Amino acid sequence: MKIIKILNNDLVNRLHIGFIVGTTCNYKCHYCFDGCNDGKYRFPSDFELIKTNLSHIVNVYKTNFNKTQIRIHVSGGEPTLWPMLGEFAEYFSKELGCKISISTNGTRTMRFWKEYARYFDDIGISVHNEACDPEHVIEVMDWVYNHEPDVLINSTVLMDPFNWDRSVELAEKLKSHPTPWVLKVRPVLFNGQLLHFTKDQLQYIKDKVKKIPPEDRIERYKELQVIQSNEPDVVAFTETGEILKYNTFKFLENDWQHFKGWKCNLGIDRLSIERDGSIQGSCGAKNLFGLLSPLSIYDSLLPEKFKPEIVKETTCPMNYCICATDIRMTKENVQL
């Protein structure tokens, strides 16, 4: 079987913008991506420039590409350490109607979450075995779940094959807690692959959703378009004309997530503002829109450079996709 095309089953009117706000972090996990917690790139300081340039990008997609739902996902480093995060989330949520999500280790105090949780649509707490305080994670998640019912609060335990027992201990502790917020597990990948896991461990990970809210809360999230009506599978087309649907875990399990040289909808459905401000693919591809060098969110001339006519598919330069959403993105093998 040879897959030659993948069709995105996500909402076609959605644009996902990742924003990595520097590399300052209060954790030093051994499996973290290179450069994500070294402090080399400080938090953005010119908030007005960010507002101007990111607002311009949002409006280009809304006006010219029918991207009526813009999701800005903030990560780091540890993004909650950025002093302007609350102001950022409030502005882009209220003024531009964007949905704001965040990946965080959840370590900020309860005062922080009580003040700023309302400005996010989706708060994802990553649970890391080397430093996590599960009691604090539970306290944060319980408060958001009970006081901000329109915010999707969820946690994901990173399953580390080198600290497997501790990872399972954390997952089971959160699972047994009575408040029914979303709980998932996800494997730590090494060079984009599932390495070092036993068959039993992979089976535990394959059943990734460990806890979900009651049906009425799920329906509310769907109404708010915080989650899909159904989780999109990978819709794949083979060279013989078959149409197949797989969970993205099957791609990782079979090492199928290699699309170098394919045409991909990077830049059409997803883009990322990297730690240095460069505008790239969410996978790290630097040739977004076919440009020889990436544009920058910190360039005061960006509104003159980011025009609708530059937006087009990207030829994949990467050895592998690093996340489920990138695997699902529309792409086609044009090397046949």
C-alpha atoms as a PDB file:
ATOM      1  CA  MET A   1       0.000   0.000   0.000  1.00  0.00           C
ATOM      2  CA  LYS A   2       1.366   3.412  -1.008  1.00  0.00           C
ATOM      3  CA  ILE A   3      -0.309   6.603   0.223  1.00  0.00           C
ATOM      4  CA  ILE A   4      -0.112   9.451  -2.285  1.00  0.00           C
ATOM      5  CA  LYS A   5      -2.459  12.081  -0.822  1.00  0.00           C
ATOM      6  CA  ILE A   6      -3.927  13.170   2.511  1.00  0.00           C
ATOM      7  CA  LEU A   7      -7.031  15.330   2.794  1.00  0.00           C
ATOM      8  CA  ASN A   8      -7.559  17.533   5.822  1.00  0.00           C
ATOM      9  CA  ASN A   9     -10.794  16.566   7.574  1.00  0.00           C
ATOM     10  CA  ASP A  10     -10.659  19.651   9.798  1.00  0.00           C
ATOM     11  CA  LEU A  11     -12.750  22.793   9.308  1.00  0.00           C
ATOM     12  CA  VAL A  12     -11.733  24.384   5.984  1.00  0.00           C
ATOM     13  CA  ASN A  13     -12.447  27.888   7.316  1.00  0.00           C
ATOM     14  CA  ARG A  14      -9.990  27.522  10.203  1.00  0.00           C
ATOM     15  CA  LEU A  15      -6.473  28.955  10.324  1.00  0.00           C
ATOM     16  CA  HIS A  16      -4.159  27.810  13.077  1.00  0.00           C
ATOM     17  CA  ILE A  17      -1.390  30.234  14.068  1.00  0.00           C
ATOM     18  CA  GLY A  18       1.207  28.973  16.500  1.00  0.00           C
ATOM     19  CA  PHE A  19       3.056  31.615  18.504  1.00  0.00           C
ATOM     20  CA  ILE A  20       6.180  30.496  20.379  1.00  0.00           C
ATOM     21  CA  VAL A  21       6.889  33.353  22.785  1.00  0.00           C
ATOM     22  CA  GLY A  22      10.544  32.688  23.548  1.00  0.00           C
ATOM     23  CA  THR A  23      12.468  29.874  25.198  1.00  0.00           C
ATOM     24  CA  THR A  24      12.367  30.803  28.877  1.00  0.00           C
ATOM     25  CA  CYS A  25      11.051  27.898  30.950  1.00  0.00           C
ATOM     26  CA  ASN A  26      11.071  26.867  34.590  1.00  0.00           C
ATOM     27  CA  TYR A  27      11.386  23.169  33.620  1.00  0.00           C
ATOM     28  CA  LYS A  28      14.349  21.335  32.077  1.00  0.00           C
ATOM     29  CA  CYS A  29      12.785  18.103  30.803  1.00  0.00           C
ATOM     30  CA  HIS A  30      15.324  15.747  29.265  1.00  0.00           C
ATOM     31  CA  TYR A  31      13.098  15.070  26.239  1.00  0.00           C
ATOM     32  CA  CYS A  32      12.278  18.700  25.417  1.00  0.00           C
ATOM     33  CA  PHE A  33      12.888  19.827  21.836  1.00  0.00           C
ATOM     34  CA  ASP A  34      16.313  21.383  21.307  1.00  0.00           C
ATOM     35  CA  GLY A  35      16.350  25.061  22.218  1.00  0.00           C
ATOM     36  CA  CYS A  36      12.877  25.169  23.773  1.00  0.00           C
ATOM     37  CA  ASN A  37      14.033  25.847  27.339  1.00  0.00           C
ATOM     38  CA  ASP A  38      17.505  27.403  27.018  1.00  0.00           C
ATOM     39  CA  GLY A  39      16.413  31.027  27.584  1.00  0.00           C
ATOM     40  CA  LYS A  40      18.207  32.195  24.428  1.00  0.00           C
ATOM     41  CA  TYR A  41      15.143  33.971  23.069  1.00  0.00           C
ATOM     42  CA  ARG A  42      13.527  36.365  25.517  1.00  0.00           C
ATOM     43  CA  PHE A  43       9.837  37.163  25.669  1.00  0.00           C
ATOM     44  CA  PRO A  44       8.539  39.727  23.137  1.00  0.00           C
ATOM     45  CA  SER A  45       8.827  43.276  24.457  1.00  0.00           C
ATOM     46  CA  ASP A  46       7.235  45.439  21.719  1.00  0.00           C
ATOM     47  CA  PHE A  47       3.597  44.561  22.257  1.00  0.00           C
ATOM     48  CA  GLU A  48       2.274  47.256  19.909  1.00  0.00           C
ATOM     49  CA  LEU A  49       4.363  45.896  17.031  1.00  0.00           C
ATOM     50  CA  ILE A  50       3.054  42.390  17.668  1.00  0.00           C
ATOM     51  CA  LYS A  51      -0.533  43.687  17.746  1.00  0.00           C
ATOM     52  CA  THR A  52      -0.079  45.554  14.457  1.00  0.00           C
ATOM     53  CA  ASN A  53       1.647  42.760  12.554  1.00  0.00           C
ATOM     54  CA  LEU A  54      -0.337  39.803  13.836  1.00  0.00           C
ATOM     55  CA  SER A  55      -3.600  41.707  13.341  1.00  0.00           C
ATOM     56  CA  HIS A  56      -2.536  42.317   9.728  1.00  0.00           C
ATOM     57  CA  ILE A  57      -1.894  38.590   9.168  1.00  0.00           C
ATOM     58  CA  VAL A  58      -5.253  37.680  10.704  1.00  0.00           C
ATOM     59  CA  ASN A  59      -7.094  40.179   8.508  1.00  0.00           C
ATOM     60  CA  VAL A  60      -5.336  38.986   5.316  1.00  0.00           C
ATOM     61  CA  TYR A  61      -6.619  35.452   5.898  1.00  0.00           C
ATOM     62  CA  LYS A  62     -10.098  36.550   6.972  1.00  0.00           C
ATOM     63  CA  THR A  63     -10.585  38.866   4.012  1.00  0.00           C
ATOM     64  CA  ASN A  64      -8.971  36.847   1.227  1.00  0.00           C
ATOM     65  CA  PHE A  65      -9.141  33.175   2.204  1.00  0.00           C
ATOM     66  CA  ASN A  66     -12.444  32.856   4.100  1.00  0.00           C
ATOM     67  CA  LYS A  67     -10.631  31.900   7.290  1.00  0.00           C
ATOM     68  CA  THR A  68     -13.472  32.929   9.557  1.00  0.00           C
ATOM     69  CA  GLN A  69     -12.124  31.011  12.548  1.00  0.00           C
ATOM     70  CA  ILE A  70      -8.620  32.013  13.572  1.00  0.00           C
ATOM     71  CA  ARG A  71      -7.029  30.002  16.361  1.00  0.00           C
ATOM     72  CA  ILE A  72      -3.866  31.383  17.960  1.00  0.00           C
ATOM     73  CA  HIS A  73      -2.000  28.804  19.995  1.00  0.00           C
ATOM     74  CA  VAL A  74       0.576  30.199  22.434  1.00  0.00           C
ATOM     75  CA  SER A  75       3.487  28.057  23.599  1.00  0.00           C
ATOM     76  CA  GLY A  76       7.113  28.355  24.651  1.00  0.00           C
ATOM     77  CA  GLY A  77       9.261  27.874  26.718  1.00  0.00           C
ATOM     78  CA  GLU A  78       6.697  28.433  29.410  1.00  0.00           C
ATOM     79  CA  PRO A  79       4.355  31.100  27.982  1.00  0.00           C
ATOM     80  CA  THR A  80       2.634  31.993  31.263  1.00  0.00           C
ATOM     81  CA  LEU A  81       5.914  33.596  32.368  1.00  0.00           C
ATOM     82  CA  TRP A  82       5.471  36.251  29.624  1.00  0.00           C
ATOM     83  CA  PRO A  83       4.247  39.388  31.431  1.00  0.00           C
ATOM     84  CA  MET A  84       2.075  40.474  28.471  1.00  0.00           C
ATOM     85  CA  LEU A  85       0.316  37.141  27.953  1.00  0.00           C
ATOM     86  CA  GLY A  86      -2.968  38.179  29.574  1.00  0.00           C
ATOM     87  CA  GLU A  87      -3.120  41.428  27.611  1.00  0.00           C
ATOM     88  CA  PHE A  88      -2.282  39.543  24.404  1.00  0.00           C
ATOM     89  CA  ALA A  89      -5.032  36.961  24.918  1.00  0.00           C
ATOM     90  CA  GLU A  90      -7.602  39.596  25.863  1.00  0.00           C
ATOM     91  CA  TYR A  91      -6.861  41.785  22.839  1.00  0.00           C
ATOM     92  CA  PHE A  92      -6.917  39.080  20.156  1.00  0.00           C
ATOM     93  CA  SER A  93      -9.943  37.398  21.699  1.00  0.00           C
ATOM     94  CA  LYS A  94     -12.073  40.504  22.149  1.00  0.00           C
ATOM     95  CA  GLU A  95     -10.910  42.788  19.325  1.00  0.00           C
ATOM     96  CA  LEU A  96     -10.304  40.285  16.523  1.00  0.00           C
ATOM     97  CA  GLY A  97     -12.546  37.415  17.591  1.00  0.00           C
ATOM     98  CA  CYS A  98      -9.709  34.876  17.623  1.00  0.00           C
ATOM     99  CA  LYS A  99      -9.848  31.712  19.664  1.00  0.00           C
ATOM    100  CA  ILE A 100      -6.856  31.569  22.004  1.00  0.00           C
ATOM    101  CA  SER A 101      -5.333  28.345  23.232  1.00  0.00           C
ATOM    102  CA  ILE A 102      -2.216  27.713  25.278  1.00  0.00           C
ATOM    103  CA  SER A 103       0.201  24.916  26.120  1.00  0.00           C
ATOM    104  CA  THR A 104       1.543  25.370  29.632  1.00  0.00           C
ATOM    105  CA  ASN A 105       3.005  23.387  32.491  1.00  0.00           C
ATOM    106  CA  GLY A 106       0.414  25.050  34.715  1.00  0.00           C
ATOM    107  CA  THR A 107       2.858  26.087  37.412  1.00  0.00           C
ATOM    108  CA  ARG A 108       1.706  29.695  37.796  1.00  0.00           C
ATOM    109  CA  THR A 109      -0.140  30.504  41.012  1.00  0.00           C
ATOM    110  CA  MET A 110      -3.888  30.273  41.434  1.00  0.00           C
ATOM    111  CA  ARG A 111      -4.034  34.072  41.416  1.00  0.00           C
ATOM    112  CA  PHE A 112      -2.747  34.040  37.830  1.00  0.00           C
ATOM    113  CA  TRP A 113      -5.318  31.500  36.636  1.00  0.00           C
ATOM    114  CA  LYS A 114      -8.191  33.236  38.407  1.00  0.00           C
ATOM    115  CA  GLU A 115      -7.269  36.491  36.657  1.00  0.00           C
ATOM    116  CA  TYR A 116      -6.488  35.269  33.136  1.00  0.00           C
ATOM    117  CA  ALA A 117      -8.182  31.908  32.477  1.00  0.00           C
ATOM    118  CA  ARG A 118     -11.290  33.679  31.129  1.00  0.00           C
ATOM    119  CA  TYR A 119      -9.369  35.004  28.111  1.00  0.00           C
ATOM    120  CA  PHE A 120      -8.535  31.545  26.768  1.00  0.00           C
ATOM    121  CA  ASP A 121     -10.751  29.127  24.885  1.00  0.00           C
ATOM    122  CA  ASP A 122      -8.497  26.124  25.480  1.00  0.00           C
ATOM    123  CA  ILE A 123      -5.952  25.618  28.266  1.00  0.00           C
ATOM    124  CA  GLY A 124      -3.778  22.553  27.825  1.00  0.00           C
ATOM    125  CA  ILE A 125      -1.582  21.603  30.763  1.00  0.00           C
ATOM    126  CA  SER A 126       1.355  19.366  29.901  1.00  0.00           C
ATOM    127  CA  VAL A 127       2.258  17.027  32.744  1.00  0.00           C
ATOM    128  CA  HIS A 128       5.986  16.247  32.916  1.00  0.00           C
ATOM    129  CA  ASN A 129       7.190  13.479  35.193  1.00  0.00           C
ATOM    130  CA  GLU A 130      10.461  15.104  36.232  1.00  0.00           C
ATOM    131  CA  ALA A 131       9.005  18.239  37.811  1.00  0.00           C
ATOM    132  CA  CYS A 132       5.212  18.101  37.967  1.00  0.00           C
ATOM    133  CA  ASP A 133       3.315  18.848  41.164  1.00  0.00           C
ATOM    134  CA  PRO A 134       0.104  16.874  40.518  1.00  0.00           C
ATOM    135  CA  GLU A 135      -1.737  18.488  43.425  1.00  0.00           C
ATOM    136  CA  HIS A 136      -1.247  21.935  41.915  1.00  0.00           C
ATOM    137  CA  VAL A 137      -2.304  20.693  38.459  1.00  0.00           C
ATOM    138  CA  ILE A 138      -5.492  19.309  39.999  1.00  0.00           C
ATOM    139  CA  GLU A 139      -6.166  22.572  41.846  1.00  0.00           C
ATOM    140  CA  VAL A 140      -5.761  24.660  38.673  1.00  0.00           C
ATOM    141  CA  MET A 141      -7.857  22.337  36.533  1.00  0.00           C
ATOM    142  CA  ASP A 142     -10.630  22.042  39.116  1.00  0.00           C
ATOM    143  CA  TRP A 143     -10.900  25.822  39.452  1.00  0.00           C
ATOM    144  CA  VAL A 144     -11.056  26.444  35.697  1.00  0.00           C
ATOM    145  CA  TYR A 145     -13.504  23.579  35.125  1.00  0.00           C
ATOM    146  CA  ASN A 146     -15.858  24.813  37.868  1.00  0.00           C
ATOM    147  CA  HIS A 147     -15.579  28.588  37.356  1.00  0.00           C
ATOM    148  CA  GLU A 148     -14.971  29.022  33.596  1.00  0.00           C
ATOM    149  CA  PRO A 149     -17.283  26.425  31.992  1.00  0.00           C
ATOM    150  CA  ASP A 150     -16.745  27.753  28.445  1.00  0.00           C
ATOM    151  CA  VAL A 151     -12.993  27.166  28.665  1.00  0.00           C
ATOM    152  CA  LEU A 152     -11.794  23.719  27.582  1.00  0.00           C
ATOM    153  CA  ILE A 153      -9.393  22.742  30.373  1.00  0.00           C
ATOM    154  CA  ASN A 154      -7.393  19.614  29.656  1.00  0.00           C
ATOM    155  CA  SER A 155      -4.185  17.898  30.639  1.00  0.00           C
ATOM    156  CA  THR A 156      -1.830  15.635  28.732  1.00  0.00           C
ATOM    157  CA  VAL A 157       0.652  13.390  30.475  1.00  0.00           C
ATOM    158  CA  LEU A 158       3.836  13.017  28.435  1.00  0.00           C
ATOM    159  CA  MET A 159       4.627   9.307  28.556  1.00  0.00           C
ATOM    160  CA  ASP A 160       8.379   8.943  28.961  1.00  0.00           C
ATOM    161  CA  PRO A 161       9.791   5.447  28.276  1.00  0.00           C
ATOM    162  CA  PHE A 162      12.776   6.209  30.521  1.00  0.00           C
ATOM    163  CA  ASN A 163      10.517   7.196  33.436  1.00  0.00           C
ATOM    164  CA  TRP A 164       7.564   5.008  32.567  1.00  0.00           C
ATOM    165  CA  ASP A 165       6.355   4.080  36.045  1.00  0.00           C
ATOM    166  CA  ARG A 166       6.307   7.695  37.198  1.00  0.00           C
ATOM    167  CA  SER A 167       4.455   8.720  34.018  1.00  0.00           C
ATOM    168  CA  VAL A 168       1.795   6.064  34.604  1.00  0.00           C
ATOM    169  CA  GLU A 169       1.545   7.030  38.262  1.00  0.00           C
ATOM    170  CA  LEU A 170       0.764  10.638  37.284  1.00  0.00           C
ATOM    171  CA  ALA A 171      -1.736   9.598  34.606  1.00  0.00           C
ATOM    172  CA  GLU A 172      -3.593   7.281  36.976  1.00  0.00           C
ATOM    173  CA  LYS A 173      -3.633   9.853  39.780  1.00  0.00           C
ATOM    174  CA  LEU A 174      -5.219  12.451  37.503  1.00  0.00           C
ATOM    175  CA  LYS A 175      -7.599   9.854  36.085  1.00  0.00           C
ATOM    176  CA  SER A 176      -8.848   8.847  39.540  1.00  0.00           C
ATOM    177  CA  HIS A 177      -9.555  12.448  40.572  1.00  0.00           C
ATOM    178  CA  PRO A 178     -13.353  12.913  40.480  1.00  0.00           C
ATOM    179  CA  THR A 179     -13.594  16.168  38.483  1.00  0.00           C
ATOM    180  CA  PRO A 180     -14.253  15.058  34.881  1.00  0.00           C
ATOM    181  CA  TRP A 181     -11.957  17.349  32.891  1.00  0.00           C
ATOM    182  CA  VAL A 182     -10.251  16.030  29.770  1.00  0.00           C
ATOM    183  CA  LEU A 183      -7.211  13.847  30.391  1.00  0.00           C
ATOM    184  CA  LYS A 184      -5.019  12.377  27.665  1.00  0.00           C
ATOM    185  CA  VAL A 185      -1.663  10.652  27.409  1.00  0.00           C
ATOM    186  CA  ARG A 186       0.840  11.207  24.627  1.00  0.00           C
ATOM    187  CA  PRO A 187       4.138   9.489  23.824  1.00  0.00           C
ATOM    188  CA  VAL A 188       7.427  11.329  23.984  1.00  0.00           C
ATOM    189  CA  LEU A 189       8.845  11.100  20.457  1.00  0.00           C
ATOM    190  CA  PHE A 190      12.523  10.784  19.678  1.00  0.00           C
ATOM    191  CA  ASN A 191      13.517  12.143  16.246  1.00  0.00           C
ATOM    192  CA  GLY A 192       9.843  12.074  15.386  1.00  0.00           C
ATOM    193  CA  GLN A 193       9.516   8.358  16.074  1.00  0.00           C
ATOM    194  CA  LEU A 194       8.050   6.009  18.663  1.00  0.00           C
ATOM    195  CA  LEU A 195      11.258   4.617  20.121  1.00  0.00           C
ATOM    196  CA  HIS A 196      12.154   2.744  23.323  1.00  0.00           C
ATOM    197  CA  PHE A 197       8.572   1.686  24.181  1.00  0.00           C
ATOM    198  CA  THR A 198       7.477  -1.897  24.881  1.00  0.00           C
ATOM    199  CA  LYS A 199       4.350  -3.368  23.265  1.00  0.00           C
ATOM    200  CA  ASP A 200       2.423  -3.046  26.537  1.00  0.00           C
ATOM    201  CA  GLN A 201       3.466   0.580  26.883  1.00  0.00           C
ATOM    202  CA  LEU A 202       2.349   1.354  23.329  1.00  0.00           C
ATOM    203  CA  GLN A 203      -1.005  -0.228  24.059  1.00  0.00           C
ATOM    204  CA  TYR A 204      -1.446   2.030  27.108  1.00  0.00           C
ATOM    205  CA  ILE A 205      -0.622   5.065  24.972  1.00  0.00           C
ATOM    206  CA  LYS A 206      -2.843   3.981  22.093  1.00  0.00           C
ATOM    207  CA  ASP A 207      -5.859   4.353  24.389  1.00  0.00           C
ATOM    208  CA  LYS A 208      -4.959   8.021  24.666  1.00  0.00           C
ATOM    209  CA  VAL A 209      -8.141   9.524  26.158  1.00  0.00           C
ATOM    210  CA  LYS A 210      -8.266   8.558  29.818  1.00  0.00           C
ATOM    211  CA  LYS A 211     -11.073  10.832  31.021  1.00  0.00           C
ATOM    212  CA  ILE A 212     -13.690  13.106  29.431  1.00  0.00           C
ATOM    213  CA  PRO A 213     -16.386  15.478  30.734  1.00  0.00           C
ATOM    214  CA  PRO A 214     -20.083  14.591  30.719  1.00  0.00           C
ATOM    215  CA  GLU A 215     -22.045  14.828  27.483  1.00  0.00           C
ATOM    216  CA  ASP A 216     -23.610  18.228  28.221  1.00  0.00           C
ATOM    217  CA  ARG A 217     -20.180  19.805  28.713  1.00  0.00           C
ATOM    218  CA  ILE A 218     -18.868  18.163  25.529  1.00  0.00           C
ATOM    219  CA  GLU A 219     -21.845  19.510  23.583  1.00  0.00           C
ATOM    220  CA  ARG A 220     -21.162  22.981  24.939  1.00  0.00           C
ATOM    221  CA  TYR A 221     -17.549  22.781  23.754  1.00  0.00           C
ATOM    222  CA  LYS A 222     -18.784  21.714  20.311  1.00  0.00           C
ATOM    223  CA  GLU A 223     -21.227  24.638  20.159  1.00  0.00           C
ATOM    224  CA  LEU A 224     -18.370  26.996  20.950  1.00  0.00           C
ATOM    225  CA  GLN A 225     -16.234  25.233  18.297  1.00  0.00           C
ATOM    226  CA  VAL A 226     -13.547  24.639  20.875  1.00  0.00           C
ATOM    227  CA  ILE A 227     -13.519  21.002  19.813  1.00  0.00           C
ATOM    228  CA  GLN A 228     -14.584  19.261  16.617  1.00  0.00           C
ATOM    229  CA  SER A 229     -17.926  17.482  16.380  1.00  0.00           C
ATOM    230  CA  ASN A 230     -15.854  14.385  15.699  1.00  0.00           C
ATOM    231  CA  GLU A 231     -12.117  14.060  16.055  1.00  0.00           C
ATOM    232  CA  PRO A 232     -10.783  14.111  12.488  1.00  0.00           C
ATOM    233  CA  ASP A 233      -8.940  11.027  11.331  1.00  0.00           C
ATOM    234  CA  VAL A 234      -6.305  10.972   8.643  1.00  0.00           C
ATOM    235  CA  VAL A 235      -8.143  10.682   5.319  1.00  0.00           C
ATOM    236  CA  ALA A 236      -5.607   8.997   3.027  1.00  0.00           C
ATOM    237  CA  PHE A 237      -5.714   8.153  -0.683  1.00  0.00           C
ATOM    238  CA  THR A 238      -3.629   5.311  -2.069  1.00  0.00           C
ATOM    239  CA  GLU A 239      -2.147   4.907  -5.553  1.00  0.00           C
ATOM    240  CA  THR A 240      -4.793   2.265  -6.297  1.00  0.00           C
ATOM    241  CA  GLY A 241      -7.643   4.691  -5.528  1.00  0.00           C
ATOM    242  CA  GLU A 242      -8.554   3.428  -2.073  1.00  0.00           C
ATOM    243  CA  ILE A 243      -9.769   5.966   0.505  1.00  0.00           C
ATOM    244  CA  LEU A 244      -8.672   5.068   4.012  1.00  0.00           C
ATOM    245  CA  LYS A 245      -9.209   6.628   7.441  1.00  0.00           C
ATOM    246  CA  TYR A 246      -6.674   6.144  10.191  1.00  0.00           C
ATOM    247  CA  ASN A 247      -5.999   7.547  13.615  1.00  0.00           C
ATOM    248  CA  THR A 248      -2.745   9.500  13.521  1.00  0.00           C
ATOM    249  CA  PHE A 249      -1.267   7.060  16.049  1.00  0.00           C
ATOM    250  CA  LYS A 250      -1.257   4.427  13.289  1.00  0.00           C
ATOM    251  CA  PHE A 251       0.980   6.690  11.200  1.00  0.00           C
ATOM    252  CA  LEU A 252       3.432   7.014  14.101  1.00  0.00           C
ATOM    253  CA  GLU A 253       3.207   3.322  14.902  1.00  0.00           C
ATOM    254  CA  ASN A 254       4.077   2.380  11.311  1.00  0.00           C
ATOM    255  CA  ASP A 255       6.554   5.230  10.742  1.00  0.00           C
ATOM    256  CA  TRP A 256       4.455   6.647   7.886  1.00  0.00           C
ATOM    257  CA  GLN A 257       4.834  10.327   8.869  1.00  0.00           C
ATOM    258  CA  HIS A 258       7.496  11.143   6.244  1.00  0.00           C
ATOM    259  CA  PHE A 259       6.385  13.535   3.483  1.00  0.00           C
ATOM    260  CA  LYS A 260       9.557  15.279   2.313  1.00  0.00           C
ATOM    261  CA  GLY A 261       9.044  16.724  -1.167  1.00  0.00           C
ATOM    262  CA  TRP A 262       5.210  16.610  -0.959  1.00  0.00           C
ATOM    263  CA  LYS A 263       3.074  19.710  -1.545  1.00  0.00           C
ATOM    264  CA  CYS A 264       1.513  20.659   1.778  1.00  0.00           C
ATOM    265  CA  ASN A 265      -1.081  23.161   2.972  1.00  0.00           C
ATOM    266  CA  LEU A 266       1.391  24.768   5.345  1.00  0.00           C
ATOM    267  CA  GLY A 267       0.793  28.494   5.046  1.00  0.00           C
ATOM    268  CA  ILE A 268      -2.812  27.928   3.970  1.00  0.00           C
ATOM    269  CA  ASP A 269      -4.195  26.105   7.013  1.00  0.00           C
ATOM    270  CA  ARG A 270      -1.345  26.516   9.504  1.00  0.00           C
ATOM    271  CA  LEU A 271       1.640  28.730  10.194  1.00  0.00           C
ATOM    272  CA  SER A 272       3.882  29.367  13.155  1.00  0.00           C
ATOM    273  CA  ILE A 273       5.667  32.353  14.646  1.00  0.00           C
ATOM    274  CA  GLU A 274       8.885  30.848  15.901  1.00  0.00           C
ATOM    275  CA  ARG A 275      10.908  31.735  18.991  1.00  0.00           C
ATOM    276  CA  ASP A 276      13.013  34.246  17.001  1.00  0.00           C
ATOM    277  CA  GLY A 277       9.925  35.842  15.427  1.00  0.00           C
ATOM    278  CA  SER A 278      10.324  34.184  12.022  1.00  0.00           C
ATOM    279  CA  ILE A 279       7.111  33.062  10.325  1.00  0.00           C
ATOM    280  CA  GLN A 280       7.523  29.399   9.404  1.00  0.00           C
ATOM    281  CA  GLY A 281       5.667  26.145   9.117  1.00  0.00           C
ATOM    282  CA  SER A 282       4.344  24.656  12.343  1.00  0.00           C
ATOM    283  CA  CYS A 283       6.839  21.808  11.792  1.00  0.00           C
ATOM    284  CA  GLY A 284       9.799  24.195  11.517  1.00  0.00           C
ATOM    285  CA  ALA A 285       9.827  24.432   7.708  1.00  0.00           C
ATOM    286  CA  LYS A 286      11.573  27.702   6.852  1.00  0.00           C
ATOM    287  CA  ASN A 287      10.422  27.847   3.209  1.00  0.00           C
ATOM    288  CA  LEU A 288       6.825  28.849   3.976  1.00  0.00           C
ATOM    289  CA  PHE A 289       5.027  30.198   0.872  1.00  0.00           C
ATOM    290  CA  GLY A 290       8.077  29.180  -1.179  1.00  0.00           C
ATOM    291  CA  LEU A 291      10.065  32.164   0.115  1.00  0.00           C
ATOM    292  CA  LEU A 292      13.859  31.908   0.227  1.00  0.00           C
ATOM    293  CA  SER A 293      13.931  33.368   3.751  1.00  0.00           C
ATOM    294  CA  PRO A 294      11.110  33.659   6.299  1.00  0.00           C
ATOM    295  CA  LEU A 295       9.281  36.863   7.150  1.00  0.00           C
ATOM    296  CA  SER A 296       9.390  38.148  10.740  1.00  0.00           C
ATOM    297  CA  ILE A 297       6.651  39.223  13.119  1.00  0.00           C
ATOM    298  CA  TYR A 298       9.130  41.791  14.487  1.00  0.00           C
ATOM    299  CA  ASP A 299       9.611  43.517  11.106  1.00  0.00           C
ATOM    300  CA  SER A 300       7.948  46.941  11.134  1.00  0.00           C
ATOM    301  CA  LEU A 301       7.518  46.619   7.345  1.00  0.00           C
ATOM    302  CA  LEU A 302       5.676  43.281   7.565  1.00  0.00           C
ATOM    303  CA  PRO A 303       2.288  44.735   6.471  1.00  0.00           C
ATOM    304  CA  GLU A 304       3.957  45.800   3.211  1.00  0.00           C
ATOM    305  CA  LYS A 305       5.511  42.358   2.691  1.00  0.00           C
ATOM    306  CA  PHE A 306       2.711  40.018   3.803  1.00  0.00           C
ATOM    307  CA  LYS A 307       0.270  40.277   0.900  1.00  0.00           C
ATOM    308  CA  PRO A 308      -2.466  37.816  -0.129  1.00  0.00           C
ATOM    309  CA  GLU A 309      -0.597  36.858  -3.301  1.00  0.00           C
ATOM    310  CA  ILE A 310       2.304  35.270  -1.384  1.00  0.00           C
ATOM    311  CA  VAL A 311       0.039  32.717   0.352  1.00  0.00           C
ATOM    312  CA  LYS A 312       0.350  29.308  -1.327  1.00  0.00           C
ATOM    313  CA  GLU A 313       1.257  25.670  -0.692  1.00  0.00           C
ATOM    314  CA  THR A 314       4.663  24.718   0.665  1.00  0.00           C
ATOM    315  CA  THR A 315       6.979  21.998  -0.611  1.00  0.00           C
ATOM    316  CA  CYS A 316       7.832  19.947   2.471  1.00  0.00           C
ATOM    317  CA  PRO A 317      11.548  20.127   3.376  1.00  0.00           C
ATOM    318  CA  MET A 318      11.229  18.135   6.610  1.00  0.00           C
ATOM    319  CA  ASN A 319      12.141  14.531   7.325  1.00  0.00           C
ATOM    320  CA  TYR A 320       8.973  13.887   9.334  1.00  0.00           C
ATOM    321  CA  CYS A 321       5.810  15.460  10.760  1.00  0.00           C
ATOM    322  CA  ILE A 322       6.112  16.080  14.497  1.00  0.00           C
ATOM    323  CA  CYS A 323       2.445  16.288  15.528  1.00  0.00           C
ATOM    324  CA  ALA A 324      -0.951  14.805  14.721  1.00  0.00           C
ATOM    325  CA  THR A 325      -2.363  18.015  13.245  1.00  0.00           C
ATOM    326  CA  ASP A 326       0.508  18.317  10.776  1.00  0.00           C
ATOM    327  CA  ILE A 327       0.062  14.680   9.727  1.00  0.00           C
ATOM    328  CA  ARG A 328      -3.628  15.327   9.013  1.00  0.00           C
ATOM    329  CA  MET A 329      -2.991  18.453   6.958  1.00  0.00           C
ATOM    330  CA  THR A 330      -3.842  18.304   3.241  1.00  0.00           C
ATOM    331  CA  LYS A 331      -0.775  17.205   1.274  1.00  0.00           C
ATOM    332  CA  GLU A 332       0.024  15.380  -1.948  1.00  0.00           C
ATOM    333  CA  ASN A 333       2.983  13.467  -3.293  1.00  0.00           C
ATOM    334  CA  VAL A 334       3.958  15.367  -6.442  1.00  0.00           C
ATOM    335  CA  GLN A 335       7.133  13.332  -6.990  1.00  0.00           C
ATOM    336  CA  LEU A 336       5.358  10.391  -8.655  1.00  0.00           C
END
